[in-house]
Amino acid sequence: LSASTVARLKRQWEQEYHAWCTRR
């Protein structure tokens, strides 16, 4: 769990959040 790994997780959360905001 390096800083870069945490950063990747944050980017993944961003993608999940935007998909969630547009779901039917």
PDBML (XML) file of the C-alpha atoms, coordinates in Angstrom:
<?xml version="1.0" encoding="UTF-8" ?>
<PDBx:datablock datablockName="MODEL"
   xmlns:PDBx="http://pdbml.pdb.org/schema/pdbx-v50.xsd"
   xmlns:xsi="http://www.w3.org/2001/XMLSchema-instance"
   xsi:schemaLocation="http://pdbml.pdb.org/schema/pdbx-v50.xsd pdbx-v50.xsd">
   <PDBx:atom_siteCategory>
      <PDBx:atom_site id="1">
         <PDBx:B_iso_or_equiv>0.00</PDBx:B_iso_or_equiv>
         <PDBx:Cartn_x>0.000</PDBx:Cartn_x>
         <PDBx:Cartn_y>0.000</PDBx:Cartn_y>
         <PDBx:Cartn_z>0.000</PDBx:Cartn_z>
         <PDBx:auth_asym_id>A</PDBx:auth_asym_id>
         <PDBx:auth_atom_id>CA</PDBx:auth_atom_id>
         <PDBx:auth_comp_id>LEU</PDBx:auth_comp_id>
         <PDBx:auth_seq_id>1</PDBx:auth_seq_id>
         <PDBx:group_PDB>ATOM</PDBx:group_PDB>
         <PDBx:label_alt_id xsi:nil="true" />
         <PDBx:label_asym_id>A</PDBx:label_asym_id>
         <PDBx:label_atom_id>CA</PDBx:label_atom_id>
         <PDBx:label_comp_id>LEU</PDBx:label_comp_id>
         <PDBx:label_entity_id>1</PDBx:label_entity_id>
         <PDBx:label_seq_id>1</PDBx:label_seq_id>
         <PDBx:occupancy>1.00</PDBx:occupancy>
         <PDBx:pdbx_PDB_model_num>1</PDBx:pdbx_PDB_model_num>
         <PDBx:type_symbol>C</PDBx:type_symbol>
      </PDBx:atom_site>
      <PDBx:atom_site id="2">
         <PDBx:B_iso_or_equiv>0.00</PDBx:B_iso_or_equiv>
         <PDBx:Cartn_x>2.323</PDBx:Cartn_x>
         <PDBx:Cartn_y>2.703</PDBx:Cartn_y>
         <PDBx:Cartn_z>-1.245</PDBx:Cartn_z>
         <PDBx:auth_asym_id>A</PDBx:auth_asym_id>
         <PDBx:auth_atom_id>CA</PDBx:auth_atom_id>
         <PDBx:auth_comp_id>SER</PDBx:auth_comp_id>
         <PDBx:auth_seq_id>2</PDBx:auth_seq_id>
         <PDBx:group_PDB>ATOM</PDBx:group_PDB>
         <PDBx:label_alt_id xsi:nil="true" />
         <PDBx:label_asym_id>A</PDBx:label_asym_id>
         <PDBx:label_atom_id>CA</PDBx:label_atom_id>
         <PDBx:label_comp_id>SER</PDBx:label_comp_id>
         <PDBx:label_entity_id>1</PDBx:label_entity_id>
         <PDBx:label_seq_id>2</PDBx:label_seq_id>
         <PDBx:occupancy>1.00</PDBx:occupancy>
         <PDBx:pdbx_PDB_model_num>1</PDBx:pdbx_PDB_model_num>
         <PDBx:type_symbol>C</PDBx:type_symbol>
      </PDBx:atom_site>
      <PDBx:atom_site id="3">
         <PDBx:B_iso_or_equiv>0.00</PDBx:B_iso_or_equiv>
         <PDBx:Cartn_x>1.322</PDBx:Cartn_x>
         <PDBx:Cartn_y>6.306</PDBx:Cartn_y>
         <PDBx:Cartn_z>-1.837</PDBx:Cartn_z>
         <PDBx:auth_asym_id>A</PDBx:auth_asym_id>
         <PDBx:auth_atom_id>CA</PDBx:auth_atom_id>
         <PDBx:auth_comp_id>ALA</PDBx:auth_comp_id>
         <PDBx:auth_seq_id>3</PDBx:auth_seq_id>
         <PDBx:group_PDB>ATOM</PDBx:group_PDB>
         <PDBx:label_alt_id xsi:nil="true" />
         <PDBx:label_asym_id>A</PDBx:label_asym_id>
         <PDBx:label_atom_id>CA</PDBx:label_atom_id>
         <PDBx:label_comp_id>ALA</PDBx:label_comp_id>
         <PDBx:label_entity_id>1</PDBx:label_entity_id>
         <PDBx:label_seq_id>3</PDBx:label_seq_id>
         <PDBx:occupancy>1.00</PDBx:occupancy>
         <PDBx:pdbx_PDB_model_num>1</PDBx:pdbx_PDB_model_num>
         <PDBx:type_symbol>C</PDBx:type_symbol>
      </PDBx:atom_site>
      <PDBx:atom_site id="4">
         <PDBx:B_iso_or_equiv>0.00</PDBx:B_iso_or_equiv>
         <PDBx:Cartn_x>1.002</PDBx:Cartn_x>
         <PDBx:Cartn_y>5.541</PDBx:Cartn_y>
         <PDBx:Cartn_z>-5.547</PDBx:Cartn_z>
         <PDBx:auth_asym_id>A</PDBx:auth_asym_id>
         <PDBx:auth_atom_id>CA</PDBx:auth_atom_id>
         <PDBx:auth_comp_id>SER</PDBx:auth_comp_id>
         <PDBx:auth_seq_id>4</PDBx:auth_seq_id>
         <PDBx:group_PDB>ATOM</PDBx:group_PDB>
         <PDBx:label_alt_id xsi:nil="true" />
         <PDBx:label_asym_id>A</PDBx:label_asym_id>
         <PDBx:label_atom_id>CA</PDBx:label_atom_id>
         <PDBx:label_comp_id>SER</PDBx:label_comp_id>
         <PDBx:label_entity_id>1</PDBx:label_entity_id>
         <PDBx:label_seq_id>4</PDBx:label_seq_id>
         <PDBx:occupancy>1.00</PDBx:occupancy>
         <PDBx:pdbx_PDB_model_num>1</PDBx:pdbx_PDB_model_num>
         <PDBx:type_symbol>C</PDBx:type_symbol>
      </PDBx:atom_site>
      <PDBx:atom_site id="5">
         <PDBx:B_iso_or_equiv>0.00</PDBx:B_iso_or_equiv>
         <PDBx:Cartn_x>-1.331</PDBx:Cartn_x>
         <PDBx:Cartn_y>2.630</PDBx:Cartn_y>
         <PDBx:Cartn_z>-4.776</PDBx:Cartn_z>
         <PDBx:auth_asym_id>A</PDBx:auth_asym_id>
         <PDBx:auth_atom_id>CA</PDBx:auth_atom_id>
         <PDBx:auth_comp_id>THR</PDBx:auth_comp_id>
         <PDBx:auth_seq_id>5</PDBx:auth_seq_id>
         <PDBx:group_PDB>ATOM</PDBx:group_PDB>
         <PDBx:label_alt_id xsi:nil="true" />
         <PDBx:label_asym_id>A</PDBx:label_asym_id>
         <PDBx:label_atom_id>CA</PDBx:label_atom_id>
         <PDBx:label_comp_id>THR</PDBx:label_comp_id>
         <PDBx:label_entity_id>1</PDBx:label_entity_id>
         <PDBx:label_seq_id>5</PDBx:label_seq_id>
         <PDBx:occupancy>1.00</PDBx:occupancy>
         <PDBx:pdbx_PDB_model_num>1</PDBx:pdbx_PDB_model_num>
         <PDBx:type_symbol>C</PDBx:type_symbol>
      </PDBx:atom_site>
      <PDBx:atom_site id="6">
         <PDBx:B_iso_or_equiv>0.00</PDBx:B_iso_or_equiv>
         <PDBx:Cartn_x>-3.530</PDBx:Cartn_x>
         <PDBx:Cartn_y>4.874</PDBx:Cartn_y>
         <PDBx:Cartn_z>-2.654</PDBx:Cartn_z>
         <PDBx:auth_asym_id>A</PDBx:auth_asym_id>
         <PDBx:auth_atom_id>CA</PDBx:auth_atom_id>
         <PDBx:auth_comp_id>VAL</PDBx:auth_comp_id>
         <PDBx:auth_seq_id>6</PDBx:auth_seq_id>
         <PDBx:group_PDB>ATOM</PDBx:group_PDB>
         <PDBx:label_alt_id xsi:nil="true" />
         <PDBx:label_asym_id>A</PDBx:label_asym_id>
         <PDBx:label_atom_id>CA</PDBx:label_atom_id>
         <PDBx:label_comp_id>VAL</PDBx:label_comp_id>
         <PDBx:label_entity_id>1</PDBx:label_entity_id>
         <PDBx:label_seq_id>6</PDBx:label_seq_id>
         <PDBx:occupancy>1.00</PDBx:occupancy>
         <PDBx:pdbx_PDB_model_num>1</PDBx:pdbx_PDB_model_num>
         <PDBx:type_symbol>C</PDBx:type_symbol>
      </PDBx:atom_site>
      <PDBx:atom_site id="7">
         <PDBx:B_iso_or_equiv>0.00</PDBx:B_iso_or_equiv>
         <PDBx:Cartn_x>-3.538</PDBx:Cartn_x>
         <PDBx:Cartn_y>7.399</PDBx:Cartn_y>
         <PDBx:Cartn_z>-5.506</PDBx:Cartn_z>
         <PDBx:auth_asym_id>A</PDBx:auth_asym_id>
         <PDBx:auth_atom_id>CA</PDBx:auth_atom_id>
         <PDBx:auth_comp_id>ALA</PDBx:auth_comp_id>
         <PDBx:auth_seq_id>7</PDBx:auth_seq_id>
         <PDBx:group_PDB>ATOM</PDBx:group_PDB>
         <PDBx:label_alt_id xsi:nil="true" />
         <PDBx:label_asym_id>A</PDBx:label_asym_id>
         <PDBx:label_atom_id>CA</PDBx:label_atom_id>
         <PDBx:label_comp_id>ALA</PDBx:label_comp_id>
         <PDBx:label_entity_id>1</PDBx:label_entity_id>
         <PDBx:label_seq_id>7</PDBx:label_seq_id>
         <PDBx:occupancy>1.00</PDBx:occupancy>
         <PDBx:pdbx_PDB_model_num>1</PDBx:pdbx_PDB_model_num>
         <PDBx:type_symbol>C</PDBx:type_symbol>
      </PDBx:atom_site>
      <PDBx:atom_site id="8">
         <PDBx:B_iso_or_equiv>0.00</PDBx:B_iso_or_equiv>
         <PDBx:Cartn_x>-4.698</PDBx:Cartn_x>
         <PDBx:Cartn_y>4.678</PDBx:Cartn_y>
         <PDBx:Cartn_z>-7.915</PDBx:Cartn_z>
         <PDBx:auth_asym_id>A</PDBx:auth_asym_id>
         <PDBx:auth_atom_id>CA</PDBx:auth_atom_id>
         <PDBx:auth_comp_id>ARG</PDBx:auth_comp_id>
         <PDBx:auth_seq_id>8</PDBx:auth_seq_id>
         <PDBx:group_PDB>ATOM</PDBx:group_PDB>
         <PDBx:label_alt_id xsi:nil="true" />
         <PDBx:label_asym_id>A</PDBx:label_asym_id>
         <PDBx:label_atom_id>CA</PDBx:label_atom_id>
         <PDBx:label_comp_id>ARG</PDBx:label_comp_id>
         <PDBx:label_entity_id>1</PDBx:label_entity_id>
         <PDBx:label_seq_id>8</PDBx:label_seq_id>
         <PDBx:occupancy>1.00</PDBx:occupancy>
         <PDBx:pdbx_PDB_model_num>1</PDBx:pdbx_PDB_model_num>
         <PDBx:type_symbol>C</PDBx:type_symbol>
      </PDBx:atom_site>
      <PDBx:atom_site id="9">
         <PDBx:B_iso_or_equiv>0.00</PDBx:B_iso_or_equiv>
         <PDBx:Cartn_x>-7.465</PDBx:Cartn_x>
         <PDBx:Cartn_y>3.715</PDBx:Cartn_y>
         <PDBx:Cartn_z>-5.523</PDBx:Cartn_z>
         <PDBx:auth_asym_id>A</PDBx:auth_asym_id>
         <PDBx:auth_atom_id>CA</PDBx:auth_atom_id>
         <PDBx:auth_comp_id>LEU</PDBx:auth_comp_id>
         <PDBx:auth_seq_id>9</PDBx:auth_seq_id>
         <PDBx:group_PDB>ATOM</PDBx:group_PDB>
         <PDBx:label_alt_id xsi:nil="true" />
         <PDBx:label_asym_id>A</PDBx:label_asym_id>
         <PDBx:label_atom_id>CA</PDBx:label_atom_id>
         <PDBx:label_comp_id>LEU</PDBx:label_comp_id>
         <PDBx:label_entity_id>1</PDBx:label_entity_id>
         <PDBx:label_seq_id>9</PDBx:label_seq_id>
         <PDBx:occupancy>1.00</PDBx:occupancy>
         <PDBx:pdbx_PDB_model_num>1</PDBx:pdbx_PDB_model_num>
         <PDBx:type_symbol>C</PDBx:type_symbol>
      </PDBx:atom_site>
      <PDBx:atom_site id="10">
         <PDBx:B_iso_or_equiv>0.00</PDBx:B_iso_or_equiv>
         <PDBx:Cartn_x>-8.581</PDBx:Cartn_x>
         <PDBx:Cartn_y>7.338</PDBx:Cartn_y>
         <PDBx:Cartn_z>-5.373</PDBx:Cartn_z>
         <PDBx:auth_asym_id>A</PDBx:auth_asym_id>
         <PDBx:auth_atom_id>CA</PDBx:auth_atom_id>
         <PDBx:auth_comp_id>LYS</PDBx:auth_comp_id>
         <PDBx:auth_seq_id>10</PDBx:auth_seq_id>
         <PDBx:group_PDB>ATOM</PDBx:group_PDB>
         <PDBx:label_alt_id xsi:nil="true" />
         <PDBx:label_asym_id>A</PDBx:label_asym_id>
         <PDBx:label_atom_id>CA</PDBx:label_atom_id>
         <PDBx:label_comp_id>LYS</PDBx:label_comp_id>
         <PDBx:label_entity_id>1</PDBx:label_entity_id>
         <PDBx:label_seq_id>10</PDBx:label_seq_id>
         <PDBx:occupancy>1.00</PDBx:occupancy>
         <PDBx:pdbx_PDB_model_num>1</PDBx:pdbx_PDB_model_num>
         <PDBx:type_symbol>C</PDBx:type_symbol>
      </PDBx:atom_site>
      <PDBx:atom_site id="11">
         <PDBx:B_iso_or_equiv>0.00</PDBx:B_iso_or_equiv>
         <PDBx:Cartn_x>-8.762</PDBx:Cartn_x>
         <PDBx:Cartn_y>7.451</PDBx:Cartn_y>
         <PDBx:Cartn_z>-9.179</PDBx:Cartn_z>
         <PDBx:auth_asym_id>A</PDBx:auth_asym_id>
         <PDBx:auth_atom_id>CA</PDBx:auth_atom_id>
         <PDBx:auth_comp_id>ARG</PDBx:auth_comp_id>
         <PDBx:auth_seq_id>11</PDBx:auth_seq_id>
         <PDBx:group_PDB>ATOM</PDBx:group_PDB>
         <PDBx:label_alt_id xsi:nil="true" />
         <PDBx:label_asym_id>A</PDBx:label_asym_id>
         <PDBx:label_atom_id>CA</PDBx:label_atom_id>
         <PDBx:label_comp_id>ARG</PDBx:label_comp_id>
         <PDBx:label_entity_id>1</PDBx:label_entity_id>
         <PDBx:label_seq_id>11</PDBx:label_seq_id>
         <PDBx:occupancy>1.00</PDBx:occupancy>
         <PDBx:pdbx_PDB_model_num>1</PDBx:pdbx_PDB_model_num>
         <PDBx:type_symbol>C</PDBx:type_symbol>
      </PDBx:atom_site>
      <PDBx:atom_site id="12">
         <PDBx:B_iso_or_equiv>0.00</PDBx:B_iso_or_equiv>
         <PDBx:Cartn_x>-10.813</PDBx:Cartn_x>
         <PDBx:Cartn_y>4.260</PDBx:Cartn_y>
         <PDBx:Cartn_z>-9.126</PDBx:Cartn_z>
         <PDBx:auth_asym_id>A</PDBx:auth_asym_id>
         <PDBx:auth_atom_id>CA</PDBx:auth_atom_id>
         <PDBx:auth_comp_id>GLN</PDBx:auth_comp_id>
         <PDBx:auth_seq_id>12</PDBx:auth_seq_id>
         <PDBx:group_PDB>ATOM</PDBx:group_PDB>
         <PDBx:label_alt_id xsi:nil="true" />
         <PDBx:label_asym_id>A</PDBx:label_asym_id>
         <PDBx:label_atom_id>CA</PDBx:label_atom_id>
         <PDBx:label_comp_id>GLN</PDBx:label_comp_id>
         <PDBx:label_entity_id>1</PDBx:label_entity_id>
         <PDBx:label_seq_id>12</PDBx:label_seq_id>
         <PDBx:occupancy>1.00</PDBx:occupancy>
         <PDBx:pdbx_PDB_model_num>1</PDBx:pdbx_PDB_model_num>
         <PDBx:type_symbol>C</PDBx:type_symbol>
      </PDBx:atom_site>
      <PDBx:atom_site id="13">
         <PDBx:B_iso_or_equiv>0.00</PDBx:B_iso_or_equiv>
         <PDBx:Cartn_x>-13.199</PDBx:Cartn_x>
         <PDBx:Cartn_y>5.814</PDBx:Cartn_y>
         <PDBx:Cartn_z>-6.602</PDBx:Cartn_z>
         <PDBx:auth_asym_id>A</PDBx:auth_asym_id>
         <PDBx:auth_atom_id>CA</PDBx:auth_atom_id>
         <PDBx:auth_comp_id>TRP</PDBx:auth_comp_id>
         <PDBx:auth_seq_id>13</PDBx:auth_seq_id>
         <PDBx:group_PDB>ATOM</PDBx:group_PDB>
         <PDBx:label_alt_id xsi:nil="true" />
         <PDBx:label_asym_id>A</PDBx:label_asym_id>
         <PDBx:label_atom_id>CA</PDBx:label_atom_id>
         <PDBx:label_comp_id>TRP</PDBx:label_comp_id>
         <PDBx:label_entity_id>1</PDBx:label_entity_id>
         <PDBx:label_seq_id>13</PDBx:label_seq_id>
         <PDBx:occupancy>1.00</PDBx:occupancy>
         <PDBx:pdbx_PDB_model_num>1</PDBx:pdbx_PDB_model_num>
         <PDBx:type_symbol>C</PDBx:type_symbol>
      </PDBx:atom_site>
      <PDBx:atom_site id="14">
         <PDBx:B_iso_or_equiv>0.00</PDBx:B_iso_or_equiv>
         <PDBx:Cartn_x>-13.564</PDBx:Cartn_x>
         <PDBx:Cartn_y>8.827</PDBx:Cartn_y>
         <PDBx:Cartn_z>-8.874</PDBx:Cartn_z>
         <PDBx:auth_asym_id>A</PDBx:auth_asym_id>
         <PDBx:auth_atom_id>CA</PDBx:auth_atom_id>
         <PDBx:auth_comp_id>GLU</PDBx:auth_comp_id>
         <PDBx:auth_seq_id>14</PDBx:auth_seq_id>
         <PDBx:group_PDB>ATOM</PDBx:group_PDB>
         <PDBx:label_alt_id xsi:nil="true" />
         <PDBx:label_asym_id>A</PDBx:label_asym_id>
         <PDBx:label_atom_id>CA</PDBx:label_atom_id>
         <PDBx:label_comp_id>GLU</PDBx:label_comp_id>
         <PDBx:label_entity_id>1</PDBx:label_entity_id>
         <PDBx:label_seq_id>14</PDBx:label_seq_id>
         <PDBx:occupancy>1.00</PDBx:occupancy>
         <PDBx:pdbx_PDB_model_num>1</PDBx:pdbx_PDB_model_num>
         <PDBx:type_symbol>C</PDBx:type_symbol>
      </PDBx:atom_site>
      <PDBx:atom_site id="15">
         <PDBx:B_iso_or_equiv>0.00</PDBx:B_iso_or_equiv>
         <PDBx:Cartn_x>-14.626</PDBx:Cartn_x>
         <PDBx:Cartn_y>6.606</PDBx:Cartn_y>
         <PDBx:Cartn_z>-11.776</PDBx:Cartn_z>
         <PDBx:auth_asym_id>A</PDBx:auth_asym_id>
         <PDBx:auth_atom_id>CA</PDBx:auth_atom_id>
         <PDBx:auth_comp_id>GLN</PDBx:auth_comp_id>
         <PDBx:auth_seq_id>15</PDBx:auth_seq_id>
         <PDBx:group_PDB>ATOM</PDBx:group_PDB>
         <PDBx:label_alt_id xsi:nil="true" />
         <PDBx:label_asym_id>A</PDBx:label_asym_id>
         <PDBx:label_atom_id>CA</PDBx:label_atom_id>
         <PDBx:label_comp_id>GLN</PDBx:label_comp_id>
         <PDBx:label_entity_id>1</PDBx:label_entity_id>
         <PDBx:label_seq_id>15</PDBx:label_seq_id>
         <PDBx:occupancy>1.00</PDBx:occupancy>
         <PDBx:pdbx_PDB_model_num>1</PDBx:pdbx_PDB_model_num>
         <PDBx:type_symbol>C</PDBx:type_symbol>
      </PDBx:atom_site>
      <PDBx:atom_site id="16">
         <PDBx:B_iso_or_equiv>0.00</PDBx:B_iso_or_equiv>
         <PDBx:Cartn_x>-17.029</PDBx:Cartn_x>
         <PDBx:Cartn_y>4.648</PDBx:Cartn_y>
         <PDBx:Cartn_z>-9.572</PDBx:Cartn_z>
         <PDBx:auth_asym_id>A</PDBx:auth_asym_id>
         <PDBx:auth_atom_id>CA</PDBx:auth_atom_id>
         <PDBx:auth_comp_id>GLU</PDBx:auth_comp_id>
         <PDBx:auth_seq_id>16</PDBx:auth_seq_id>
         <PDBx:group_PDB>ATOM</PDBx:group_PDB>
         <PDBx:label_alt_id xsi:nil="true" />
         <PDBx:label_asym_id>A</PDBx:label_asym_id>
         <PDBx:label_atom_id>CA</PDBx:label_atom_id>
         <PDBx:label_comp_id>GLU</PDBx:label_comp_id>
         <PDBx:label_entity_id>1</PDBx:label_entity_id>
         <PDBx:label_seq_id>16</PDBx:label_seq_id>
         <PDBx:occupancy>1.00</PDBx:occupancy>
         <PDBx:pdbx_PDB_model_num>1</PDBx:pdbx_PDB_model_num>
         <PDBx:type_symbol>C</PDBx:type_symbol>
      </PDBx:atom_site>
      <PDBx:atom_site id="17">
         <PDBx:B_iso_or_equiv>0.00</PDBx:B_iso_or_equiv>
         <PDBx:Cartn_x>-18.530</PDBx:Cartn_x>
         <PDBx:Cartn_y>7.850</PDBx:Cartn_y>
         <PDBx:Cartn_z>-8.184</PDBx:Cartn_z>
         <PDBx:auth_asym_id>A</PDBx:auth_asym_id>
         <PDBx:auth_atom_id>CA</PDBx:auth_atom_id>
         <PDBx:auth_comp_id>TYR</PDBx:auth_comp_id>
         <PDBx:auth_seq_id>17</PDBx:auth_seq_id>
         <PDBx:group_PDB>ATOM</PDBx:group_PDB>
         <PDBx:label_alt_id xsi:nil="true" />
         <PDBx:label_asym_id>A</PDBx:label_asym_id>
         <PDBx:label_atom_id>CA</PDBx:label_atom_id>
         <PDBx:label_comp_id>TYR</PDBx:label_comp_id>
         <PDBx:label_entity_id>1</PDBx:label_entity_id>
         <PDBx:label_seq_id>17</PDBx:label_seq_id>
         <PDBx:occupancy>1.00</PDBx:occupancy>
         <PDBx:pdbx_PDB_model_num>1</PDBx:pdbx_PDB_model_num>
         <PDBx:type_symbol>C</PDBx:type_symbol>
      </PDBx:atom_site>
      <PDBx:atom_site id="18">
         <PDBx:B_iso_or_equiv>0.00</PDBx:B_iso_or_equiv>
         <PDBx:Cartn_x>-19.214</PDBx:Cartn_x>
         <PDBx:Cartn_y>9.359</PDBx:Cartn_y>
         <PDBx:Cartn_z>-11.603</PDBx:Cartn_z>
         <PDBx:auth_asym_id>A</PDBx:auth_asym_id>
         <PDBx:auth_atom_id>CA</PDBx:auth_atom_id>
         <PDBx:auth_comp_id>HIS</PDBx:auth_comp_id>
         <PDBx:auth_seq_id>18</PDBx:auth_seq_id>
         <PDBx:group_PDB>ATOM</PDBx:group_PDB>
         <PDBx:label_alt_id xsi:nil="true" />
         <PDBx:label_asym_id>A</PDBx:label_asym_id>
         <PDBx:label_atom_id>CA</PDBx:label_atom_id>
         <PDBx:label_comp_id>HIS</PDBx:label_comp_id>
         <PDBx:label_entity_id>1</PDBx:label_entity_id>
         <PDBx:label_seq_id>18</PDBx:label_seq_id>
         <PDBx:occupancy>1.00</PDBx:occupancy>
         <PDBx:pdbx_PDB_model_num>1</PDBx:pdbx_PDB_model_num>
         <PDBx:type_symbol>C</PDBx:type_symbol>
      </PDBx:atom_site>
      <PDBx:atom_site id="19">
         <PDBx:B_iso_or_equiv>0.00</PDBx:B_iso_or_equiv>
         <PDBx:Cartn_x>-20.791</PDBx:Cartn_x>
         <PDBx:Cartn_y>6.087</PDBx:Cartn_y>
         <PDBx:Cartn_z>-12.809</PDBx:Cartn_z>
         <PDBx:auth_asym_id>A</PDBx:auth_asym_id>
         <PDBx:auth_atom_id>CA</PDBx:auth_atom_id>
         <PDBx:auth_comp_id>ALA</PDBx:auth_comp_id>
         <PDBx:auth_seq_id>19</PDBx:auth_seq_id>
         <PDBx:group_PDB>ATOM</PDBx:group_PDB>
         <PDBx:label_alt_id xsi:nil="true" />
         <PDBx:label_asym_id>A</PDBx:label_asym_id>
         <PDBx:label_atom_id>CA</PDBx:label_atom_id>
         <PDBx:label_comp_id>ALA</PDBx:label_comp_id>
         <PDBx:label_entity_id>1</PDBx:label_entity_id>
         <PDBx:label_seq_id>19</PDBx:label_seq_id>
         <PDBx:occupancy>1.00</PDBx:occupancy>
         <PDBx:pdbx_PDB_model_num>1</PDBx:pdbx_PDB_model_num>
         <PDBx:type_symbol>C</PDBx:type_symbol>
      </PDBx:atom_site>
      <PDBx:atom_site id="20">
         <PDBx:B_iso_or_equiv>0.00</PDBx:B_iso_or_equiv>
         <PDBx:Cartn_x>-22.937</PDBx:Cartn_x>
         <PDBx:Cartn_y>5.972</PDBx:Cartn_y>
         <PDBx:Cartn_z>-9.666</PDBx:Cartn_z>
         <PDBx:auth_asym_id>A</PDBx:auth_asym_id>
         <PDBx:auth_atom_id>CA</PDBx:auth_atom_id>
         <PDBx:auth_comp_id>TRP</PDBx:auth_comp_id>
         <PDBx:auth_seq_id>20</PDBx:auth_seq_id>
         <PDBx:group_PDB>ATOM</PDBx:group_PDB>
         <PDBx:label_alt_id xsi:nil="true" />
         <PDBx:label_asym_id>A</PDBx:label_asym_id>
         <PDBx:label_atom_id>CA</PDBx:label_atom_id>
         <PDBx:label_comp_id>TRP</PDBx:label_comp_id>
         <PDBx:label_entity_id>1</PDBx:label_entity_id>
         <PDBx:label_seq_id>20</PDBx:label_seq_id>
         <PDBx:occupancy>1.00</PDBx:occupancy>
         <PDBx:pdbx_PDB_model_num>1</PDBx:pdbx_PDB_model_num>
         <PDBx:type_symbol>C</PDBx:type_symbol>
      </PDBx:atom_site>
      <PDBx:atom_site id="21">
         <PDBx:B_iso_or_equiv>0.00</PDBx:B_iso_or_equiv>
         <PDBx:Cartn_x>-24.102</PDBx:Cartn_x>
         <PDBx:Cartn_y>9.578</PDBx:Cartn_y>
         <PDBx:Cartn_z>-10.189</PDBx:Cartn_z>
         <PDBx:auth_asym_id>A</PDBx:auth_asym_id>
         <PDBx:auth_atom_id>CA</PDBx:auth_atom_id>
         <PDBx:auth_comp_id>CYS</PDBx:auth_comp_id>
         <PDBx:auth_seq_id>21</PDBx:auth_seq_id>
         <PDBx:group_PDB>ATOM</PDBx:group_PDB>
         <PDBx:label_alt_id xsi:nil="true" />
         <PDBx:label_asym_id>A</PDBx:label_asym_id>
         <PDBx:label_atom_id>CA</PDBx:label_atom_id>
         <PDBx:label_comp_id>CYS</PDBx:label_comp_id>
         <PDBx:label_entity_id>1</PDBx:label_entity_id>
         <PDBx:label_seq_id>21</PDBx:label_seq_id>
         <PDBx:occupancy>1.00</PDBx:occupancy>
         <PDBx:pdbx_PDB_model_num>1</PDBx:pdbx_PDB_model_num>
         <PDBx:type_symbol>C</PDBx:type_symbol>
      </PDBx:atom_site>
      <PDBx:atom_site id="22">
         <PDBx:B_iso_or_equiv>0.00</PDBx:B_iso_or_equiv>
         <PDBx:Cartn_x>-25.540</PDBx:Cartn_x>
         <PDBx:Cartn_y>8.702</PDBx:Cartn_y>
         <PDBx:Cartn_z>-13.621</PDBx:Cartn_z>
         <PDBx:auth_asym_id>A</PDBx:auth_asym_id>
         <PDBx:auth_atom_id>CA</PDBx:auth_atom_id>
         <PDBx:auth_comp_id>THR</PDBx:auth_comp_id>
         <PDBx:auth_seq_id>22</PDBx:auth_seq_id>
         <PDBx:group_PDB>ATOM</PDBx:group_PDB>
         <PDBx:label_alt_id xsi:nil="true" />
         <PDBx:label_asym_id>A</PDBx:label_asym_id>
         <PDBx:label_atom_id>CA</PDBx:label_atom_id>
         <PDBx:label_comp_id>THR</PDBx:label_comp_id>
         <PDBx:label_entity_id>1</PDBx:label_entity_id>
         <PDBx:label_seq_id>22</PDBx:label_seq_id>
         <PDBx:occupancy>1.00</PDBx:occupancy>
         <PDBx:pdbx_PDB_model_num>1</PDBx:pdbx_PDB_model_num>
         <PDBx:type_symbol>C</PDBx:type_symbol>
      </PDBx:atom_site>
      <PDBx:atom_site id="23">
         <PDBx:B_iso_or_equiv>0.00</PDBx:B_iso_or_equiv>
         <PDBx:Cartn_x>-27.137</PDBx:Cartn_x>
         <PDBx:Cartn_y>5.321</PDBx:Cartn_y>
         <PDBx:Cartn_z>-12.879</PDBx:Cartn_z>
         <PDBx:auth_asym_id>A</PDBx:auth_asym_id>
         <PDBx:auth_atom_id>CA</PDBx:auth_atom_id>
         <PDBx:auth_comp_id>ARG</PDBx:auth_comp_id>
         <PDBx:auth_seq_id>23</PDBx:auth_seq_id>
         <PDBx:group_PDB>ATOM</PDBx:group_PDB>
         <PDBx:label_alt_id xsi:nil="true" />
         <PDBx:label_asym_id>A</PDBx:label_asym_id>
         <PDBx:label_atom_id>CA</PDBx:label_atom_id>
         <PDBx:label_comp_id>ARG</PDBx:label_comp_id>
         <PDBx:label_entity_id>1</PDBx:label_entity_id>
         <PDBx:label_seq_id>23</PDBx:label_seq_id>
         <PDBx:occupancy>1.00</PDBx:occupancy>
         <PDBx:pdbx_PDB_model_num>1</PDBx:pdbx_PDB_model_num>
         <PDBx:type_symbol>C</PDBx:type_symbol>
      </PDBx:atom_site>
      <PDBx:atom_site id="24">
         <PDBx:B_iso_or_equiv>0.00</PDBx:B_iso_or_equiv>
         <PDBx:Cartn_x>-30.842</PDBx:Cartn_x>
         <PDBx:Cartn_y>4.848</PDBx:Cartn_y>
         <PDBx:Cartn_z>-13.627</PDBx:Cartn_z>
         <PDBx:auth_asym_id>A</PDBx:auth_asym_id>
         <PDBx:auth_atom_id>CA</PDBx:auth_atom_id>
         <PDBx:auth_comp_id>ARG</PDBx:auth_comp_id>
         <PDBx:auth_seq_id>24</PDBx:auth_seq_id>
         <PDBx:group_PDB>ATOM</PDBx:group_PDB>
         <PDBx:label_alt_id xsi:nil="true" />
         <PDBx:label_asym_id>A</PDBx:label_asym_id>
         <PDBx:label_atom_id>CA</PDBx:label_atom_id>
         <PDBx:label_comp_id>ARG</PDBx:label_comp_id>
         <PDBx:label_entity_id>1</PDBx:label_entity_id>
         <PDBx:label_seq_id>24</PDBx:label_seq_id>
         <PDBx:occupancy>1.00</PDBx:occupancy>
         <PDBx:pdbx_PDB_model_num>1</PDBx:pdbx_PDB_model_num>
         <PDBx:type_symbol>C</PDBx:type_symbol>
      </PDBx:atom_site>
   </PDBx:atom_siteCategory>
</PDBx:datablock>
